[in-house]
Amino acid sequence: MVNALLLTGLLASVSLLYATAGQAGGTAFVAVMAFAIFPVAEMRPTALLLNVVAAGYARWRLHRNGALDQRALLPLTLPSMAAAFLGGLIVLGEGVYFVLTGVLLVAAAGLMIFKRGADAIETRPLMVLPAAVAGAASGFLSGLTGVGGGVFLTPLIIAFGWASPKRAAALSPPFILRNSAVGLLGVLIAGQTLTFDAPLYGDHEEVWGHAA
């Protein structure tokens, strides 16, 4: 029980940290569970569930503040949701999963560094086909690994000049929410299960989300 509470506090802390950058924390959730030696079959669905909780609360706050851009979200999320579901249906072997997620965690760290240095970028109209490809790729990685997808999409749309960092951060939570929800559905259909303490982690994600 003590270990579960310590792990809950750690997950909640990284969720709060990621929330300041407009992310749900999927990459950190996966990393924490890997260090805690979770069974591989439980890591991905649990990370996706925590993404849904964190991103769902963030999306509600954006909606309440009138900051949701549904026009921009449509070409990004329609292909991404289908790709996330397909990714969720694929079950990787333990070795392949750890190698892939490790590479993605390093790539996500590099992309977040780029995002911090992109404040002065000039924005241009979002292009539908490239946006659909970027969304689908991010969604597929979300369903395949449980990372959420926003950590890849946000730097991409900034790099292409489709949004300022502030606007991109507002697009990320609803993108993560939709991908994680359909990705989780695919994962559960594929036979993977949530960890026993998932409700405890999810409840504390919401509590700390209020603090953000």
Protein backbone atom coordinates (compact mmCIF):
# COMPACT_ATOMS: atom_id res chain seq x y z
CA MET A 1 0.00 0.00 0.00
CA VAL A 2 2.88 2.37 0.82
CA ASN A 3 4.48 1.68 -2.56
CA ALA A 4 1.16 2.31 -4.31
CA LEU A 5 0.78 5.68 -2.55
CA LEU A 6 4.35 6.69 -3.39
CA LEU A 7 3.81 5.75 -7.02
CA THR A 8 0.52 7.65 -7.04
CA GLY A 9 2.25 10.77 -5.75
CA LEU A 10 4.98 10.47 -8.39
CA LEU A 11 2.48 10.02 -11.23
CA ALA A 12 0.44 12.97 -9.99
CA SER A 13 3.56 15.14 -9.75
CA VAL A 14 4.66 14.46 -13.32
CA SER A 15 1.09 15.05 -14.50
CA LEU A 16 1.13 18.49 -12.85
CA LEU A 17 4.50 19.27 -14.45
CA TYR A 18 3.36 18.21 -17.91
CA ALA A 19 0.10 20.16 -17.55
CA THR A 20 2.11 23.40 -17.47
CA ALA A 21 3.22 22.60 -21.05
CA GLY A 22 -0.25 21.58 -22.29
CA GLN A 23 0.52 17.84 -22.15
CA ALA A 24 -1.13 14.95 -20.31
CA GLY A 25 2.09 13.20 -19.32
CA GLY A 26 1.88 9.91 -21.24
CA THR A 27 5.63 9.67 -21.82
CA ALA A 28 6.30 10.19 -18.11
CA PHE A 29 3.59 7.71 -17.11
CA VAL A 30 5.21 5.02 -19.26
CA ALA A 31 8.68 5.85 -17.91
CA VAL A 32 7.55 5.75 -14.27
CA MET A 33 5.77 2.43 -14.75
CA ALA A 34 8.82 0.97 -16.51
CA PHE A 35 11.06 1.92 -13.57
CA ALA A 36 8.45 0.48 -11.19
CA ILE A 37 8.66 -2.81 -13.13
CA PHE A 38 4.99 -2.93 -14.15
CA PRO A 39 3.99 -5.89 -16.32
CA VAL A 40 4.21 -4.80 -19.96
CA ALA A 41 0.60 -5.90 -20.57
CA GLU A 42 -0.56 -3.35 -17.95
CA MET A 43 1.67 -0.39 -18.80
CA ARG A 44 0.06 0.69 -22.06
CA PRO A 45 -3.62 0.55 -21.03
CA THR A 46 -2.87 2.20 -17.68
CA ALA A 47 -0.93 5.03 -19.34
CA LEU A 48 -3.77 5.58 -21.82
CA LEU A 49 -6.33 5.69 -19.00
CA LEU A 50 -4.26 8.29 -17.12
CA ASN A 51 -3.99 10.28 -20.36
CA VAL A 52 -7.78 10.28 -20.65
CA VAL A 53 -8.17 11.57 -17.08
CA ALA A 54 -5.50 14.28 -17.34
CA ALA A 55 -6.34 15.41 -20.87
CA GLY A 56 -10.08 15.23 -20.19
CA TYR A 57 -9.79 17.70 -17.34
CA ALA A 58 -7.52 19.96 -19.40
CA ARG A 59 -9.99 19.88 -22.30
CA TRP A 60 -12.85 20.81 -19.96
CA ARG A 61 -10.92 23.83 -18.76
CA LEU A 62 -10.13 24.90 -22.33
CA HIS A 63 -13.81 24.55 -23.25
CA ARG A 64 -14.85 26.57 -20.21
CA ASN A 65 -12.43 29.34 -21.22
CA GLY A 66 -13.54 29.30 -24.87
CA ALA A 67 -10.06 28.24 -26.06
CA LEU A 68 -10.96 25.15 -28.12
CA ASP A 69 -10.28 25.42 -31.88
CA GLN A 70 -12.52 22.73 -33.35
CA ARG A 71 -11.74 23.72 -36.95
CA ALA A 72 -8.05 23.07 -36.49
CA LEU A 73 -8.69 19.89 -34.50
CA LEU A 74 -10.85 18.21 -37.16
CA PRO A 75 -8.16 17.42 -39.80
CA LEU A 76 -5.76 16.41 -37.04
CA THR A 77 -7.99 14.15 -34.97
CA LEU A 78 -10.14 12.30 -37.51
CA PRO A 79 -7.22 10.35 -39.01
CA SER A 80 -5.41 10.19 -35.68
CA MET A 81 -8.30 8.44 -33.92
CA ALA A 82 -8.50 5.71 -36.56
CA ALA A 83 -4.72 5.28 -36.41
CA ALA A 84 -4.73 5.19 -32.59
CA PHE A 85 -7.34 2.42 -32.59
CA LEU A 86 -5.27 0.38 -35.06
CA GLY A 87 -2.15 0.97 -32.98
CA GLY A 88 -4.00 -0.20 -29.89
CA LEU A 89 -4.87 -3.50 -31.54
CA ILE A 90 -1.18 -4.30 -32.07
CA VAL A 91 0.52 -6.05 -29.15
CA LEU A 92 4.31 -5.78 -29.23
CA GLY A 93 6.69 -8.23 -27.59
CA GLU A 94 8.22 -7.08 -24.30
CA GLY A 95 11.68 -6.39 -25.76
CA VAL A 96 10.35 -4.54 -28.79
CA TYR A 97 7.99 -2.48 -26.64
CA PHE A 98 10.73 -1.33 -24.27
CA VAL A 99 13.13 -0.47 -27.10
CA LEU A 100 10.46 1.44 -29.02
CA THR A 101 9.21 3.37 -26.00
CA GLY A 102 12.78 4.16 -24.99
CA VAL A 103 13.49 5.63 -28.42
CA LEU A 104 10.24 7.59 -28.31
CA LEU A 105 11.01 8.99 -24.86
CA VAL A 106 14.36 10.30 -26.11
CA ALA A 107 12.71 11.71 -29.24
CA ALA A 108 9.98 13.35 -27.12
CA ALA A 109 12.60 15.01 -24.92
CA GLY A 110 14.32 16.42 -28.02
CA LEU A 111 11.04 17.68 -29.45
CA MET A 112 10.12 19.39 -26.18
CA ILE A 113 13.48 21.19 -26.22
CA PHE A 114 12.74 22.36 -29.76
CA LYS A 115 9.28 23.53 -28.69
CA ARG A 116 10.78 25.75 -25.98
CA GLY A 117 12.97 27.49 -28.53
CA ALA A 118 10.20 28.10 -31.09
CA ASP A 119 8.40 31.05 -29.50
CA ALA A 120 9.10 33.49 -32.32
CA ILE A 121 7.97 31.27 -35.20
CA GLU A 122 5.67 32.82 -37.80
CA THR A 123 2.36 31.01 -38.23
CA ARG A 124 0.58 30.12 -41.48
CA PRO A 125 -2.74 28.40 -42.34
CA LEU A 126 -2.96 24.71 -41.46
CA MET A 127 -2.61 22.45 -44.53
CA VAL A 128 -5.14 19.61 -44.43
CA LEU A 129 -3.17 16.72 -45.97
CA PRO A 130 0.10 17.23 -44.08
CA ALA A 131 -1.93 17.84 -40.91
CA ALA A 132 -3.78 14.56 -41.43
CA VAL A 133 -0.48 12.69 -41.89
CA ALA A 134 1.04 14.29 -38.79
CA GLY A 135 -2.10 13.52 -36.78
CA ALA A 136 -2.28 9.92 -37.99
CA ALA A 137 1.39 9.26 -37.19
CA SER A 138 1.04 10.75 -33.70
CA GLY A 139 -2.20 8.85 -33.10
CA PHE A 140 -0.70 5.54 -34.18
CA LEU A 141 2.24 5.97 -31.79
CA SER A 142 -0.25 6.85 -29.06
CA GLY A 143 -2.23 3.65 -29.46
CA LEU A 144 0.87 1.51 -30.01
CA THR A 145 2.79 2.65 -26.92
CA GLY A 146 0.41 4.62 -24.66
CA VAL A 147 2.37 7.88 -24.85
CA GLY A 148 -0.63 10.04 -25.82
CA GLY A 149 0.62 11.58 -29.05
CA GLY A 150 0.47 15.23 -28.07
CA VAL A 151 4.17 15.37 -27.25
CA PHE A 152 4.86 14.59 -30.93
CA LEU A 153 2.04 16.56 -32.53
CA THR A 154 2.69 19.84 -30.69
CA PRO A 155 6.29 20.33 -31.87
CA LEU A 156 5.31 19.22 -35.39
CA ILE A 157 2.58 21.82 -35.85
CA ILE A 158 4.91 24.46 -34.42
CA ALA A 159 7.70 23.37 -36.78
CA PHE A 160 5.36 23.58 -39.79
CA GLY A 161 4.25 27.02 -38.62
CA TRP A 162 0.59 26.04 -38.23
CA ALA A 163 0.30 27.37 -34.67
CA SER A 164 2.11 29.38 -32.06
CA PRO A 165 3.37 27.45 -29.01
CA LYS A 166 0.44 28.82 -26.98
CA ARG A 167 -2.17 27.75 -29.56
CA ALA A 168 -0.47 24.38 -30.04
CA ALA A 169 -0.64 23.77 -26.29
CA ALA A 170 -4.40 24.40 -26.46
CA LEU A 171 -4.79 21.88 -29.29
CA SER A 172 -2.87 19.15 -27.50
CA PRO A 173 -5.25 18.12 -24.64
CA PRO A 174 -8.31 17.39 -26.83
CA PHE A 175 -6.03 15.62 -29.32
CA ILE A 176 -4.57 13.45 -26.54
CA LEU A 177 -8.01 12.78 -25.05
CA ARG A 178 -9.51 11.47 -28.28
CA ASN A 179 -6.50 9.38 -29.25
CA SER A 180 -6.08 7.88 -25.79
CA ALA A 181 -9.77 6.99 -25.51
CA VAL A 182 -9.97 5.11 -28.82
CA GLY A 183 -6.45 3.71 -28.34
CA LEU A 184 -7.50 2.32 -24.95
CA LEU A 185 -10.51 0.69 -26.58
CA GLY A 186 -8.23 -1.02 -29.09
CA VAL A 187 -5.81 -2.11 -26.36
CA LEU A 188 -8.59 -3.66 -24.27
CA ILE A 189 -9.95 -5.48 -27.32
CA ALA A 190 -6.41 -6.79 -27.92
CA GLY A 191 -6.52 -8.40 -24.48
CA GLN A 192 -4.31 -6.14 -22.35
CA THR A 193 -5.63 -5.05 -18.95
CA LEU A 194 -5.36 -2.13 -16.53
CA THR A 195 -3.23 -2.45 -13.43
CA PHE A 196 -5.15 -3.15 -10.21
CA ASP A 197 -4.40 0.30 -8.73
CA ALA A 198 -5.43 2.24 -11.86
CA PRO A 199 -8.52 3.82 -10.18
CA LEU A 200 -6.29 5.13 -7.37
CA TYR A 201 -3.86 6.69 -9.85
CA GLY A 202 -6.70 8.18 -11.90
CA ASP A 203 -8.40 9.77 -8.89
CA HIS A 204 -5.17 11.51 -7.85
CA GLU A 205 -4.52 12.65 -11.45
CA GLU A 206 -7.82 14.54 -11.32
CA VAL A 207 -7.08 16.06 -7.90
CA TRP A 208 -3.71 17.36 -9.03
CA GLY A 209 -5.24 18.52 -12.30
CA HIS A 210 -7.36 20.95 -10.28
CA ALA A 211 -4.15 22.32 -8.81
CA ALA A 212 -2.86 23.10 -12.30
